[in-house]
């Protein structure tokens, strides 16, 4: 359970068309996080972007391609993320995974310290 105070943000960047075991990788990640009782996750679908492969993705050419950038944002206690990170790394064969330290200021479901 997430608590007020120090936490970690784990952000994963993938393409909408990336697959893991036959389904979109972003769906597989969300189901994995839910199964492991991660406090919460939010997905953002980008309107444009490119990664290390240099392929530009844009909503303007959506008719030709449906592989827009997806950002998966998770804020959780560091010890929870450390346990699940190896599996997430295995799921993301293309993309980027980053972490940063955050301070949880307000959380409506967070217990007080």
Protein backbone atom coordinates (compact mmCIF):
# COMPACT_ATOMS: atom_id res chain seq x y z
CA UNK A 1 0.00 0.00 0.00
CA UNK A 2 1.23 3.44 -0.89
CA UNK A 3 1.88 5.78 2.03
CA UNK A 4 2.53 9.51 2.29
CA UNK A 5 6.19 10.44 2.11
CA UNK A 6 9.04 9.05 0.02
CA UNK A 7 8.14 6.75 -2.88
CA UNK A 8 9.34 5.81 -6.35
CA UNK A 9 7.89 6.54 -9.75
CA UNK A 10 8.40 3.83 -12.32
CA UNK A 11 7.69 4.94 -15.88
CA UNK A 12 7.65 2.59 -18.83
CA UNK A 13 7.59 3.75 -22.44
CA UNK A 14 6.45 1.29 -25.11
CA UNK A 15 4.76 1.36 -28.50
CA UNK A 16 1.10 0.53 -28.77
CA UNK A 17 1.92 -2.28 -31.20
CA UNK A 18 4.53 -4.01 -28.98
CA UNK A 19 3.45 -7.51 -27.95
CA UNK A 20 4.08 -9.82 -25.00
CA UNK A 21 2.84 -13.40 -25.15
CA UNK A 22 0.40 -12.54 -27.93
CA UNK A 23 -1.24 -9.46 -26.44
CA UNK A 24 -0.31 -5.78 -26.28
CA UNK A 25 2.56 -5.32 -23.85
CA UNK A 26 0.81 -2.43 -22.10
CA UNK A 27 -2.20 -4.67 -21.36
CA UNK A 28 0.07 -7.45 -20.10
CA UNK A 29 1.86 -4.99 -17.81
CA UNK A 30 -1.39 -3.59 -16.36
CA UNK A 31 -2.70 -7.10 -15.65
CA UNK A 32 0.63 -8.06 -14.08
CA UNK A 33 0.58 -4.96 -11.83
CA UNK A 34 -3.02 -5.60 -10.79
CA UNK A 35 -2.23 -9.23 -10.00
CA UNK A 36 0.72 -8.12 -7.83
CA UNK A 37 -1.47 -5.56 -5.99
CA UNK A 38 0.47 -2.49 -7.05
CA UNK A 39 -1.26 0.58 -5.60
CA UNK A 40 -2.16 2.07 -8.96
CA UNK A 41 -1.14 2.60 -12.55
CA UNK A 42 -2.06 5.10 -15.24
CA UNK A 43 -1.53 4.72 -18.97
CA UNK A 44 -1.12 7.65 -21.33
CA UNK A 45 -1.45 7.34 -25.09
CA UNK A 46 0.79 9.79 -26.88
CA UNK A 47 -0.16 11.83 -29.91
CA UNK A 48 3.38 11.69 -31.31
CA UNK A 49 6.83 10.46 -30.45
CA UNK A 50 9.89 8.45 -31.39
CA UNK A 51 12.37 6.25 -29.58
CA UNK A 52 15.88 4.93 -30.01
CA UNK A 53 14.88 3.15 -33.23
CA UNK A 54 14.26 6.55 -34.86
CA UNK A 55 10.75 5.64 -36.06
CA UNK A 56 8.37 8.58 -35.77
CA UNK A 57 4.83 7.78 -34.62
CA UNK A 58 2.04 10.30 -34.98
CA UNK A 59 -1.70 10.39 -34.57
CA UNK A 60 -1.80 12.25 -37.91
CA UNK A 61 -0.87 9.04 -39.71
CA UNK A 62 -3.12 6.85 -37.58
CA UNK A 63 -4.83 5.45 -40.66
CA UNK A 64 -1.52 3.97 -41.77
CA UNK A 65 -0.25 2.78 -38.43
CA UNK A 66 -1.62 2.10 -35.00
CA UNK A 67 1.55 2.11 -32.96
CA UNK A 68 1.40 5.29 -30.93
CA UNK A 69 3.61 5.77 -27.88
CA UNK A 70 2.23 4.50 -24.56
CA UNK A 71 3.53 5.74 -21.20
CA UNK A 72 2.80 3.58 -18.16
CA UNK A 73 3.16 5.52 -14.90
CA UNK A 74 3.36 3.83 -11.50
CA UNK A 75 3.98 5.36 -8.08
CA UNK A 76 4.68 2.87 -5.33
CA UNK A 77 6.93 2.08 -2.39
CA UNK A 78 10.50 1.26 -3.44
CA UNK A 79 10.45 -2.24 -1.94
CA UNK A 80 7.33 -3.16 -3.93
CA UNK A 81 8.88 -1.97 -7.19
CA UNK A 82 12.14 -3.80 -6.52
CA UNK A 83 10.25 -7.10 -6.30
CA UNK A 84 8.40 -6.69 -9.60
CA UNK A 85 11.03 -4.90 -11.67
CA UNK A 86 12.81 -8.04 -13.00
CA UNK A 87 9.55 -9.36 -14.48
CA UNK A 88 8.71 -5.97 -15.98
CA UNK A 89 12.16 -5.80 -17.56
CA UNK A 90 11.54 -9.19 -19.16
CA UNK A 91 8.17 -8.03 -20.52
CA UNK A 92 9.57 -4.87 -22.11
CA UNK A 93 11.76 -6.13 -24.93
CA UNK A 94 11.56 -2.78 -26.75
CA UNK A 95 11.13 0.47 -24.90
CA UNK A 96 12.43 2.37 -21.91
CA UNK A 97 12.03 1.88 -18.16
CA UNK A 98 13.02 4.68 -15.78
CA UNK A 99 12.63 5.39 -12.08
CA UNK A 100 12.73 8.56 -10.05
CA UNK A 101 12.23 9.48 -6.44
CA UNK A 102 9.00 11.27 -5.56
CA UNK A 103 7.33 12.66 -2.47
CA UNK A 104 3.71 11.63 -2.02
CA UNK A 105 2.06 14.80 -0.72
CA UNK A 106 -1.58 13.76 -0.78
CA UNK A 107 -3.16 10.39 -1.34
CA UNK A 108 -6.82 9.92 -0.53
CA UNK A 109 -6.32 6.21 0.19
CA UNK A 110 -2.98 6.52 2.00
CA UNK A 111 -2.77 5.76 5.70
CA UNK A 112 -1.15 8.35 7.93
CA UNK A 113 2.41 7.61 9.07
